[in-house]
C-alpha atoms as a PDB file:
ATOM      1  CA  MET A   1     113.846  19.057 156.911  1.00  0.00           C
ATOM      2  CA  ILE A   2     117.658  18.335 156.775  1.00  0.00           C
ATOM      3  CA  ASP A   3     119.136  18.463 160.047  1.00  0.00           C
ATOM      4  CA  PRO A   4     121.507  21.514 160.126  1.00  0.00           C
ATOM      5  CA  ALA A   5     123.874  20.171 162.702  1.00  0.00           C
ATOM      6  CA  LEU A   6     125.086  18.007 159.715  1.00  0.00           C
ATOM      7  CA  PHE A   7     126.671  21.022 158.312  1.00  0.00           C
ATOM      8  CA  ASP A   8     128.069  22.191 161.441  1.00  0.00           C
ATOM      9  CA  PRO A   9     131.832  22.021 161.186  1.00  0.00           C
ATOM     10  CA  SER A  10     132.196  20.227 164.874  1.00  0.00           C
ATOM     11  CA  ALA A  11     130.260  17.400 163.041  1.00  0.00           C
ATOM     12  CA  ILE A  12     133.359  16.645 161.246  1.00  0.00           C
ATOM     13  CA  SER A  13     135.607  13.877 162.597  1.00  0.00           C
ATOM     14  CA  ASP A  14     139.119  14.308 163.106  1.00  0.00           C
ATOM     15  CA  GLU A  15     139.950  11.687 160.642  1.00  0.00           C
ATOM     16  CA  ILE A  16     137.915  13.326 157.875  1.00  0.00           C
ATOM     17  CA  ARG A  17     139.695  16.889 158.835  1.00  0.00           C
ATOM     18  CA  ALA A  18     143.050  15.065 158.370  1.00  0.00           C
ATOM     19  CA  GLN A  19     142.157  13.274 155.158  1.00  0.00           C
ATOM     20  CA  ASN A  20     140.617  16.539 153.401  1.00  0.00           C
ATOM     21  CA  ALA A  21     143.586  18.490 154.291  1.00  0.00           C
ATOM     22  CA  ASP A  22     145.939  15.710 152.804  1.00  0.00           C
ATOM     23  CA  ILE A  23     144.015  15.691 149.508  1.00  0.00           C
ATOM     24  CA  VAL A  24     144.008  19.614 149.281  1.00  0.00           C
ATOM     25  CA  ALA A  25     148.045  19.668 149.881  1.00  0.00           C
ATOM     26  CA  LYS A  26     148.473  16.719 147.586  1.00  0.00           C
ATOM     27  CA  LEU A  27     146.548  18.400 144.495  1.00  0.00           C
ATOM     28  CA  SER A  28     148.098  21.922 145.224  1.00  0.00           C
ATOM     29  CA  LYS A  29     151.012  20.501 144.059  1.00  0.00           C
ATOM     30  CA  LEU A  30     149.708  18.964 140.782  1.00  0.00           C
ATOM     31  CA  PRO A  31     148.997  21.218 137.461  1.00  0.00           C
ATOM     32  CA  ASP A  32     145.671  22.216 136.759  1.00  0.00           C
ATOM     33  CA  PRO A  33     143.698  19.431 135.006  1.00  0.00           C
ATOM     34  CA  SER A  34     142.355  21.448 132.542  1.00  0.00           C
ATOM     35  CA  SER A  35     146.004  22.293 131.148  1.00  0.00           C
ATOM     36  CA  VAL A  36     146.647  18.599 130.561  1.00  0.00           C
ATOM     37  CA  PRO A  37     145.744  16.689 127.571  1.00  0.00           C
ATOM     38  CA  PRO A  38     142.780  14.363 128.812  1.00  0.00           C
ATOM     39  CA  ALA A  39     144.598  11.359 127.496  1.00  0.00           C
ATOM     40  CA  LEU A  40     147.459  12.103 129.694  1.00  0.00           C
ATOM     41  CA  VAL A  41     145.420  12.707 132.799  1.00  0.00           C
ATOM     42  CA  ARG A  42     143.627   9.394 132.138  1.00  0.00           C
ATOM     43  CA  GLU A  43     146.995   7.653 131.935  1.00  0.00           C
ATOM     44  CA  ARG A  44     148.110   9.420 135.195  1.00  0.00           C
ATOM     45  CA  ARG A  45     145.129   8.273 136.897  1.00  0.00           C
ATOM     46  CA  ARG A  46     145.879   4.611 136.196  1.00  0.00           C
ATOM     47  CA  GLN A  47     148.954   5.084 137.710  1.00  0.00           C
ATOM     48  CA  GLY A  48     147.684   6.501 140.750  1.00  0.00           C
ATOM     49  CA  LEU A  49     148.766   9.929 140.379  1.00  0.00           C
ATOM     50  CA  GLY A  50     145.272  11.687 140.264  1.00  0.00           C
ATOM     51  CA  PRO A  51     143.174  12.750 143.279  1.00  0.00           C
ATOM     52  CA  PHE A  52     141.842   9.069 144.119  1.00  0.00           C
ATOM     53  CA  PRO A  53     144.127   6.243 145.123  1.00  0.00           C
ATOM     54  CA  LEU A  54     144.119   3.185 143.152  1.00  0.00           C
ATOM     55  CA  MET A  55     141.695   0.358 143.918  1.00  0.00           C
ATOM     56  CA  GLN A  56     142.665  -3.117 143.368  1.00  0.00           C
ATOM     57  CA  GLU A  57     140.928  -4.701 140.525  1.00  0.00           C
ATOM     58  CA  SER A  58     138.667  -7.892 140.955  1.00  0.00           C
ATOM     59  CA  THR A  59     140.123 -11.344 140.055  1.00  0.00           C
ATOM     60  CA  ARG A  60     136.478 -12.479 139.254  1.00  0.00           C
ATOM     61  CA  ALA A  61     135.734  -9.438 136.917  1.00  0.00           C
ATOM     62  CA  LYS A  62     134.967 -10.327 133.205  1.00  0.00           C
ATOM     63  CA  VAL A  63     134.541  -8.150 130.056  1.00  0.00           C
ATOM     64  CA  PHE A  64     131.825  -8.662 127.678  1.00  0.00           C
ATOM     65  CA  THR A  65     131.320  -6.235 124.605  1.00  0.00           C
ATOM     66  CA  ILE A  66     128.240  -5.648 122.859  1.00  0.00           C
ATOM     67  CA  ASP A  67     127.252  -3.511 119.638  1.00  0.00           C
ATOM     68  CA  GLY A  68     126.737   0.201 120.436  1.00  0.00           C
ATOM     69  CA  PRO A  69     125.581   3.132 118.541  1.00  0.00           C
ATOM     70  CA  GLY A  70     129.259   4.176 118.110  1.00  0.00           C
ATOM     71  CA  GLY A  71     130.934   1.198 117.931  1.00  0.00           C
ATOM     72  CA  PRO A  72     131.644  -1.679 120.709  1.00  0.00           C
ATOM     73  CA  ILE A  73     130.817  -0.952 124.442  1.00  0.00           C
ATOM     74  CA  PRO A  74     132.674  -2.948 126.674  1.00  0.00           C
ATOM     75  CA  LEU A  75     130.860  -4.118 129.903  1.00  0.00           C
ATOM     76  CA  ARG A  76     132.773  -5.256 132.798  1.00  0.00           C
ATOM     77  CA  ILE A  77     130.615  -7.878 134.692  1.00  0.00           C
ATOM     78  CA  ILE A  78     131.175  -9.211 138.426  1.00  0.00           C
ATOM     79  CA  ALA A  79     128.657 -11.757 139.345  1.00  0.00           C
ATOM     80  CA  PRO A  80     128.115 -14.111 142.326  1.00  0.00           C
ATOM     81  CA  ASP A  81     127.068 -17.447 141.971  1.00  0.00           C
ATOM     82  CA  ASN A  82     123.047 -17.383 141.884  1.00  0.00           C
ATOM     83  CA  PRO A  83     122.517 -13.592 141.835  1.00  0.00           C
ATOM     84  CA  ARG A  84     119.608 -12.370 143.569  1.00  0.00           C
ATOM     85  CA  GLY A  85     119.625  -9.030 141.381  1.00  0.00           C
ATOM     86  CA  VAL A  86     121.697  -7.006 138.967  1.00  0.00           C
ATOM     87  CA  TYR A  87     123.208  -3.733 139.354  1.00  0.00           C
ATOM     88  CA  PHE A  88     123.863  -1.597 136.312  1.00  0.00           C
ATOM     89  CA  HIS A  89     126.828   0.741 137.008  1.00  0.00           C
ATOM     90  CA  ILE A  90     128.160   4.042 135.451  1.00  0.00           C
ATOM     91  CA  HIS A  91     131.415   5.293 136.545  1.00  0.00           C
ATOM     92  CA  GLY A  92     132.387   8.840 137.356  1.00  0.00           C
ATOM     93  CA  GLY A  93     135.165  11.026 136.012  1.00  0.00           C
ATOM     94  CA  GLY A  94     133.544  14.234 134.870  1.00  0.00           C
ATOM     95  CA  TRP A  95     132.369  12.488 131.535  1.00  0.00           C
ATOM     96  CA  THR A  96     136.114  13.217 130.654  1.00  0.00           C
ATOM     97  CA  TRP A  97     138.085  10.512 132.570  1.00  0.00           C
ATOM     98  CA  GLY A  98     137.373   7.227 134.576  1.00  0.00           C
ATOM     99  CA  THR A  99     137.160   3.665 133.570  1.00  0.00           C
ATOM    100  CA  ALA A 100     134.968   0.814 134.404  1.00  0.00           C
ATOM    101  CA  ASP A 101     137.361  -1.163 136.525  1.00  0.00           C
ATOM    102  CA  GLU A 102     138.683   1.868 138.437  1.00  0.00           C
ATOM    103  CA  GLN A 103     136.077   0.940 141.312  1.00  0.00           C
ATOM    104  CA  ASP A 104     136.209  -2.758 141.674  1.00  0.00           C
ATOM    105  CA  PRO A 105     136.085  -3.191 145.474  1.00  0.00           C
ATOM    106  CA  TRP A 106     132.575  -1.379 145.470  1.00  0.00           C
ATOM    107  CA  LEU A 107     131.324  -3.785 142.844  1.00  0.00           C
ATOM    108  CA  ASP A 108     132.671  -6.769 144.428  1.00  0.00           C
ATOM    109  CA  ARG A 109     131.152  -5.300 147.778  1.00  0.00           C
ATOM    110  CA  LEU A 110     127.673  -5.154 145.936  1.00  0.00           C
ATOM    111  CA  ALA A 111     128.371  -8.676 144.717  1.00  0.00           C
ATOM    112  CA  GLU A 112     129.014 -10.301 148.026  1.00  0.00           C
ATOM    113  CA  ARG A 113     126.862  -8.500 150.439  1.00  0.00           C
ATOM    114  CA  CYS A 114     124.061  -7.839 148.508  1.00  0.00           C
ATOM    115  CA  GLY A 115     124.060 -10.800 145.782  1.00  0.00           C
ATOM    116  CA  LEU A 116     124.103  -8.529 142.799  1.00  0.00           C
ATOM    117  CA  ALA A 117     125.530  -9.502 139.385  1.00  0.00           C
ATOM    118  CA  VAL A 118     127.194  -5.949 138.635  1.00  0.00           C
ATOM    119  CA  VAL A 119     127.440  -4.638 135.134  1.00  0.00           C
ATOM    120  CA  SER A 120     129.532  -1.529 134.590  1.00  0.00           C
ATOM    121  CA  VAL A 121     129.516   0.072 131.270  1.00  0.00           C
ATOM    122  CA  GLU A 122     132.708   1.684 129.605  1.00  0.00           C
ATOM    123  CA  TYR A 123     131.061   4.657 127.799  1.00  0.00           C
ATOM    124  CA  ARG A 124     132.511   7.064 125.587  1.00  0.00           C
ATOM    125  CA  LEU A 125     134.118   9.960 126.993  1.00  0.00           C
ATOM    126  CA  ALA A 126     134.441  13.572 126.087  1.00  0.00           C
ATOM    127  CA  PRO A 127     135.877  15.995 124.907  1.00  0.00           C
ATOM    128  CA  GLU A 128     136.583  13.488 122.171  1.00  0.00           C
ATOM    129  CA  ASP A 129     132.806  12.133 122.218  1.00  0.00           C
ATOM    130  CA  PRO A 130     130.748  14.796 123.721  1.00  0.00           C
ATOM    131  CA  PHE A 131     127.087  14.556 124.173  1.00  0.00           C
ATOM    132  CA  PRO A 132     125.031  12.330 123.291  1.00  0.00           C
ATOM    133  CA  ALA A 133     127.833   9.913 122.990  1.00  0.00           C
ATOM    134  CA  GLY A 134     128.092   8.745 126.593  1.00  0.00           C
ATOM    135  CA  PRO A 135     124.450   8.840 127.358  1.00  0.00           C
ATOM    136  CA  ASP A 136     123.896   7.213 123.984  1.00  0.00           C
ATOM    137  CA  ASP A 137     126.214   4.003 125.248  1.00  0.00           C
ATOM    138  CA  CYS A 138     124.601   4.056 128.655  1.00  0.00           C
ATOM    139  CA  GLU A 139     121.235   3.596 127.113  1.00  0.00           C
ATOM    140  CA  ALA A 140     122.272   0.767 124.931  1.00  0.00           C
ATOM    141  CA  ALA A 141     124.010  -0.998 127.590  1.00  0.00           C
ATOM    142  CA  ALA A 142     120.846  -0.911 129.913  1.00  0.00           C
ATOM    143  CA  LEU A 143     118.758  -2.004 127.336  1.00  0.00           C
ATOM    144  CA  TRP A 144     121.107  -5.057 126.848  1.00  0.00           C
ATOM    145  CA  VAL A 145     121.008  -5.736 130.562  1.00  0.00           C
ATOM    146  CA  ILE A 146     117.129  -5.495 130.270  1.00  0.00           C
ATOM    147  CA  ARG A 147     116.979  -7.997 127.706  1.00  0.00           C
ATOM    148  CA  GLU A 148     119.696 -10.398 128.905  1.00  0.00           C
ATOM    149  CA  MET A 149     119.423 -10.373 132.539  1.00  0.00           C
ATOM    150  CA  GLU A 150     116.899 -13.185 133.113  1.00  0.00           C
ATOM    151  CA  SER A 151     118.639 -15.564 130.785  1.00  0.00           C
ATOM    152  CA  ARG A 152     122.374 -14.699 131.866  1.00  0.00           C
ATOM    153  CA  PHE A 153     121.611 -13.980 135.579  1.00  0.00           C
ATOM    154  CA  GLY A 154     118.515 -15.617 136.282  1.00  0.00           C
ATOM    155  CA  THR A 155     116.805 -12.412 138.045  1.00  0.00           C
ATOM    156  CA  SER A 156     114.815  -9.352 136.844  1.00  0.00           C
ATOM    157  CA  ARG A 157     115.299  -7.573 139.819  1.00  0.00           C
ATOM    158  CA  LEU A 158     117.336  -4.682 138.520  1.00  0.00           C
ATOM    159  CA  PHE A 159     118.904  -1.409 140.208  1.00  0.00           C
ATOM    160  CA  ILE A 160     120.912   1.264 138.745  1.00  0.00           C
ATOM    161  CA  GLY A 161     123.697   3.522 140.281  1.00  0.00           C
ATOM    162  CA  GLY A 162     126.708   5.792 139.693  1.00  0.00           C
ATOM    163  CA  GLU A 163     129.087   8.271 141.429  1.00  0.00           C
ATOM    164  CA  SER A 164     129.670  11.831 140.174  1.00  0.00           C
ATOM    165  CA  ALA A 165     129.020  12.050 136.277  1.00  0.00           C
ATOM    166  CA  GLY A 166     127.917   8.403 136.670  1.00  0.00           C
ATOM    167  CA  ALA A 167     125.049   9.628 138.904  1.00  0.00           C
ATOM    168  CA  HIS A 168     124.170  12.357 136.311  1.00  0.00           C
ATOM    169  CA  LEU A 169     124.048   9.442 133.576  1.00  0.00           C
ATOM    170  CA  SER A 170     122.118   7.210 135.631  1.00  0.00           C
ATOM    171  CA  ALA A 171     119.498   9.748 135.879  1.00  0.00           C
ATOM    172  CA  VAL A 172     119.613  10.350 132.348  1.00  0.00           C
ATOM    173  CA  THR A 173     119.273   6.798 131.495  1.00  0.00           C
ATOM    174  CA  ILE A 174     116.614   6.440 133.784  1.00  0.00           C
ATOM    175  CA  LEU A 175     114.587   9.170 132.020  1.00  0.00           C
ATOM    176  CA  ARG A 176     115.623   7.949 128.514  1.00  0.00           C
ATOM    177  CA  LEU A 177     114.250   4.391 129.109  1.00  0.00           C
ATOM    178  CA  ARG A 178     111.183   6.053 130.252  1.00  0.00           C
ATOM    179  CA  ASP A 179     110.520   8.523 127.660  1.00  0.00           C
ATOM    180  CA  LYS A 180     112.065   6.693 124.444  1.00  0.00           C
ATOM    181  CA  HIS A 181     111.255   3.147 125.629  1.00  0.00           C
ATOM    182  CA  GLY A 182     108.204   3.252 127.941  1.00  0.00           C
ATOM    183  CA  LEU A 183     110.379   1.307 130.447  1.00  0.00           C
ATOM    184  CA  LYS A 184     110.578   1.690 133.949  1.00  0.00           C
ATOM    185  CA  PRO A 185     112.806  -1.415 135.037  1.00  0.00           C
ATOM    186  CA  PHE A 186     114.656  -0.406 137.955  1.00  0.00           C
ATOM    187  CA  ARG A 187     113.859  -1.371 141.555  1.00  0.00           C
ATOM    188  CA  GLY A 188     116.198   1.538 143.057  1.00  0.00           C
ATOM    189  CA  ALA A 189     118.647   3.981 142.060  1.00  0.00           C
ATOM    190  CA  ASN A 190     121.743   4.748 143.778  1.00  0.00           C
ATOM    191  CA  LEU A 191     122.926   8.209 143.176  1.00  0.00           C
ATOM    192  CA  PHE A 192     126.395   9.414 144.948  1.00  0.00           C
ATOM    193  CA  ALA A 193     127.357  12.969 144.412  1.00  0.00           C
ATOM    194  CA  GLY A 194     126.123  13.878 141.319  1.00  0.00           C
ATOM    195  CA  CYS A 195     126.122  16.863 139.060  1.00  0.00           C
ATOM    196  CA  TYR A 196     122.330  17.206 137.853  1.00  0.00           C
ATOM    197  CA  ASP A 197     122.483  21.103 136.641  1.00  0.00           C
ATOM    198  CA  LEU A 198     125.282  21.429 134.242  1.00  0.00           C
ATOM    199  CA  SER A 199     124.585  25.115 134.204  1.00  0.00           C
ATOM    200  CA  LEU A 200     126.003  25.110 137.674  1.00  0.00           C
ATOM    201  CA  THR A 201     124.417  25.319 140.977  1.00  0.00           C
ATOM    202  CA  PRO A 202     125.289  27.906 143.483  1.00  0.00           C
ATOM    203  CA  SER A 203     127.244  25.569 145.816  1.00  0.00           C
ATOM    204  CA  VAL A 204     129.565  25.113 142.789  1.00  0.00           C
ATOM    205  CA  VAL A 205     129.902  28.821 141.847  1.00  0.00           C
ATOM    206  CA  ARG A 206     130.596  29.850 145.029  1.00  0.00           C
ATOM    207  CA  TRP A 207     133.204  27.200 145.904  1.00  0.00           C
ATOM    208  CA  GLY A 208     136.020  28.880 144.480  1.00  0.00           C
ATOM    209  CA  ALA A 209     139.726  27.623 144.053  1.00  0.00           C
ATOM    210  CA  GLU A 210     140.461  25.125 146.719  1.00  0.00           C
ATOM    211  CA  ARG A 211     140.928  21.853 144.894  1.00  0.00           C
ATOM    212  CA  LEU A 212     139.234  19.314 147.620  1.00  0.00           C
ATOM    213  CA  ILE A 213     139.190  16.775 144.697  1.00  0.00           C
ATOM    214  CA  LEU A 214     137.358  19.212 142.421  1.00  0.00           C
ATOM    215  CA  ASN A 215     136.930  23.126 142.512  1.00  0.00           C
ATOM    216  CA  THR A 216     134.727  25.620 140.307  1.00  0.00           C
ATOM    217  CA  SER A 217     136.937  25.684 137.362  1.00  0.00           C
ATOM    218  CA  ASP A 218     137.108  21.988 137.385  1.00  0.00           C
ATOM    219  CA  VAL A 219     133.531  21.459 137.023  1.00  0.00           C
ATOM    220  CA  ARG A 220     133.249  24.274 134.461  1.00  0.00           C
ATOM    221  CA  TYR A 221     135.983  22.291 132.224  1.00  0.00           C
ATOM    222  CA  PHE A 222     133.940  18.946 132.582  1.00  0.00           C
ATOM    223  CA  THR A 223     130.675  20.487 131.654  1.00  0.00           C
ATOM    224  CA  ASP A 224     132.358  22.290 128.697  1.00  0.00           C
ATOM    225  CA  ASN A 225     133.855  18.914 127.387  1.00  0.00           C
ATOM    226  CA  PHE A 226     130.627  17.102 127.846  1.00  0.00           C
ATOM    227  CA  CYS A 227     128.123  19.996 126.374  1.00  0.00           C
ATOM    228  CA  GLY A 228     130.398  21.561 123.908  1.00  0.00           C
ATOM    229  CA  PRO A 229     129.687  25.137 122.988  1.00  0.00           C
ATOM    230  CA  ASP A 230     126.254  25.483 121.906  1.00  0.00           C
ATOM    231  CA  ARG A 231     123.966  22.974 124.038  1.00  0.00           C
ATOM    232  CA  ASP A 232     121.374  24.460 126.285  1.00  0.00           C
ATOM    233  CA  ARG A 233     123.006  23.365 129.469  1.00  0.00           C
ATOM    234  CA  ARG A 234     118.975  23.461 131.305  1.00  0.00           C
ATOM    235  CA  SER A 235     117.743  21.375 128.546  1.00  0.00           C
ATOM    236  CA  PRO A 236     116.361  18.245 130.573  1.00  0.00           C
ATOM    237  CA  GLU A 237     118.061  15.929 128.290  1.00  0.00           C
ATOM    238  CA  ILE A 238     121.423  17.571 129.698  1.00  0.00           C
ATOM    239  CA  SER A 239     120.549  18.388 133.087  1.00  0.00           C
ATOM    240  CA  PRO A 240     117.929  16.097 134.630  1.00  0.00           C
ATOM    241  CA  LEU A 241     117.242  18.500 137.563  1.00  0.00           C
ATOM    242  CA  TYR A 242     114.902  20.365 134.782  1.00  0.00           C
ATOM    243  CA  ALA A 243     113.209  17.107 133.665  1.00  0.00           C
ATOM    244  CA  ASP A 244     109.709  15.768 134.494  1.00  0.00           C
ATOM    245  CA  LEU A 245     110.765  13.225 137.145  1.00  0.00           C
ATOM    246  CA  THR A 246     107.252  11.623 137.743  1.00  0.00           C
ATOM    247  CA  GLY A 247     106.910   7.958 138.016  1.00  0.00           C
ATOM    248  CA  LEU A 248     110.764   7.328 138.868  1.00  0.00           C
ATOM    249  CA  PRO A 249     112.134   4.492 141.074  1.00  0.00           C
ATOM    250  CA  PRO A 250     113.154   4.824 145.057  1.00  0.00           C
ATOM    251  CA  ALA A 251     116.460   6.685 145.124  1.00  0.00           C
ATOM    252  CA  LEU A 252     119.220   7.154 147.524  1.00  0.00           C
ATOM    253  CA  PHE A 253     121.128  10.240 147.118  1.00  0.00           C
ATOM    254  CA  SER A 254     124.474  10.667 149.170  1.00  0.00           C
ATOM    255  CA  VAL A 255     126.722  13.486 149.438  1.00  0.00           C
ATOM    256  CA  GLY A 256     129.565  14.951 151.843  1.00  0.00           C
ATOM    257  CA  THR A 257     129.053  18.453 153.266  1.00  0.00           C
ATOM    258  CA  GLN A 258     132.473  19.445 151.719  1.00  0.00           C
ATOM    259  CA  ASP A 259     131.535  18.518 148.171  1.00  0.00           C
ATOM    260  CA  LEU A 260     131.204  21.294 145.955  1.00  0.00           C
ATOM    261  CA  LEU A 261     128.168  19.456 144.270  1.00  0.00           C
ATOM    262  CA  MET A 262     126.158  19.746 147.357  1.00  0.00           C
ATOM    263  CA  ASP A 263     123.436  21.626 145.754  1.00  0.00           C
ATOM    264  CA  ASP A 264     123.070  19.359 143.230  1.00  0.00           C
ATOM    265  CA  THR A 265     122.221  16.505 145.355  1.00  0.00           C
ATOM    266  CA  LEU A 266     119.907  18.609 147.758  1.00  0.00           C
ATOM    267  CA  PHE A 267     117.901  20.158 144.800  1.00  0.00           C
ATOM    268  CA  MET A 268     117.529  16.991 142.846  1.00  0.00           C
ATOM    269  CA  ALA A 269     116.471  14.982 146.073  1.00  0.00           C
ATOM    270  CA  THR A 270     113.903  17.621 146.834  1.00  0.00           C
ATOM    271  CA  ARG A 271     112.512  17.467 143.286  1.00  0.00           C
ATOM    272  CA  TRP A 272     112.510  13.691 143.177  1.00  0.00           C
ATOM    273  CA  ALA A 273     110.332  13.441 146.215  1.00  0.00           C
ATOM    274  CA  SER A 274     108.198  16.322 145.162  1.00  0.00           C
ATOM    275  CA  CYS A 275     107.564  14.406 141.942  1.00  0.00           C
ATOM    276  CA  GLY A 276     106.064  11.620 144.318  1.00  0.00           C
ATOM    277  CA  ASN A 277     108.988   9.469 144.232  1.00  0.00           C
ATOM    278  CA  LYS A 278     110.432   7.494 147.364  1.00  0.00           C
ATOM    279  CA  THR A 279     113.503   9.278 148.152  1.00  0.00           C
ATOM    280  CA  ASP A 280     116.246   8.724 150.867  1.00  0.00           C
ATOM    281  CA  LEU A 281     118.921  11.423 151.362  1.00  0.00           C
ATOM    282  CA  ALA A 282     122.215  10.744 152.966  1.00  0.00           C
ATOM    283  CA  VAL A 283     124.407  13.821 153.887  1.00  0.00           C
ATOM    284  CA  TRP A 284     127.744  12.949 155.400  1.00  0.00           C
ATOM    285  CA  PRO A 285     129.721  15.705 157.566  1.00  0.00           C
ATOM    286  CA  GLY A 286     132.880  16.634 156.009  1.00  0.00           C
ATOM    287  CA  GLY A 287     132.736  13.954 153.097  1.00  0.00           C
ATOM    288  CA  CYS A 288     134.624  15.379 150.063  1.00  0.00           C
ATOM    289  CA  HIS A 289     133.684  14.698 146.587  1.00  0.00           C
ATOM    290  CA  VAL A 290     132.917  11.039 146.325  1.00  0.00           C
ATOM    291  CA  PHE A 291     134.683  10.485 149.464  1.00  0.00           C
ATOM    292  CA  ILE A 292     134.072   6.773 149.735  1.00  0.00           C
ATOM    293  CA  ARG A 293     137.236   6.430 147.473  1.00  0.00           C
ATOM    294  CA  PHE A 294     139.195   6.741 150.486  1.00  0.00           C
ATOM    295  CA  ASP A 295     139.508   4.352 153.395  1.00  0.00           C
ATOM    296  CA  SER A 296     137.551   5.856 156.508  1.00  0.00           C
ATOM    297  CA  ALA A 297     134.877   5.192 159.170  1.00  0.00           C
ATOM    298  CA  LEU A 298     132.739   7.758 157.267  1.00  0.00           C
ATOM    299  CA  SER A 299     133.030   5.609 153.958  1.00  0.00           C
ATOM    300  CA  GLU A 300     132.168   2.606 155.712  1.00  0.00           C
ATOM    301  CA  GLN A 301     129.095   4.193 157.023  1.00  0.00           C
ATOM    302  CA  ALA A 302     128.128   5.490 153.792  1.00  0.00           C
ATOM    303  CA  LEU A 303     128.764   2.241 151.751  1.00  0.00           C
ATOM    304  CA  SER A 304     126.715   0.237 154.417  1.00  0.00           C
ATOM    305  CA  ARG A 305     123.891   2.723 154.059  1.00  0.00           C
ATOM    306  CA  ILE A 306     124.095   1.889 150.026  1.00  0.00           C
ATOM    307  CA  ASP A 307     124.085  -1.795 151.191  1.00  0.00           C
ATOM    308  CA  GLY A 308     120.718  -1.408 153.408  1.00  0.00           C
ATOM    309  CA  PHE A 309     119.176   0.816 150.734  1.00  0.00           C
ATOM    310  CA  ILE A 310     119.527  -1.979 148.086  1.00  0.00           C
ATOM    311  CA  GLU A 311     118.611  -4.889 150.777  1.00  0.00           C
ATOM    312  CA  GLY A 312     115.539  -2.977 151.480  1.00  0.00           C
ATOM    313  CA  LEU A 313     113.715  -2.916 148.014  1.00  0.00           C
END
């Protein structure tokens, strides 16, 4: 079982306590995200005015465009010389915000420390393009990577991963490749702070108004954008928690104890394991939603755990 000591307030470091308090204080001064047009929020994020600090763009990133079901799909590629594998990355942002270039330092790290060529997909965003647009783009991009990775990168060792909505879309992509194409190409999946039940888990519903990156109304806003008004939110194609999870790759599930999506990770990791899949669960004391976007000793520990997971497969 999970060690309950991880959830004890005494397990939270002074550094993380102070960091979380700063985040709450900063976000309390900003307007409710749902009251601002998504395009404006996206622009503010690119100026460093959102919940996360700006991350430096990689000097070696290249953008390649492929044909997609709804038009061109940009792919952001960061690759070392002679890659030992490929990492298909899907960014977060509540299916509404976020871009493939917002987390280049993580992708550079995977290239340098794990020898991976990283391909991050710029999928269509809601509410302008709700379900199934984003999953369709991720599926198309994954199929391109599968077709091209040996000729372009010289390897068939393939991983998938993402954060928040990107972790959800990673799980959806794994299932689509299995169910629609008979493919099980991934050596492992790195799923960080995902939302796997879009009907909302208890930890989301019970969180309340405090905005430690996200609050309950934010998650409702995001799921409304992605699903629209008429979707069955417990359909397996929407919420992978309810899917048949047999025959899936080893996965590392990571979440902080101060993340309102805690239950999503705990429930999904349990189902993943109960369906016979190798499962690793990392629970980080005091970590807020996608806390690795902030520099801290805890972030370094979590990122090192990801490096070790990938290197071990």
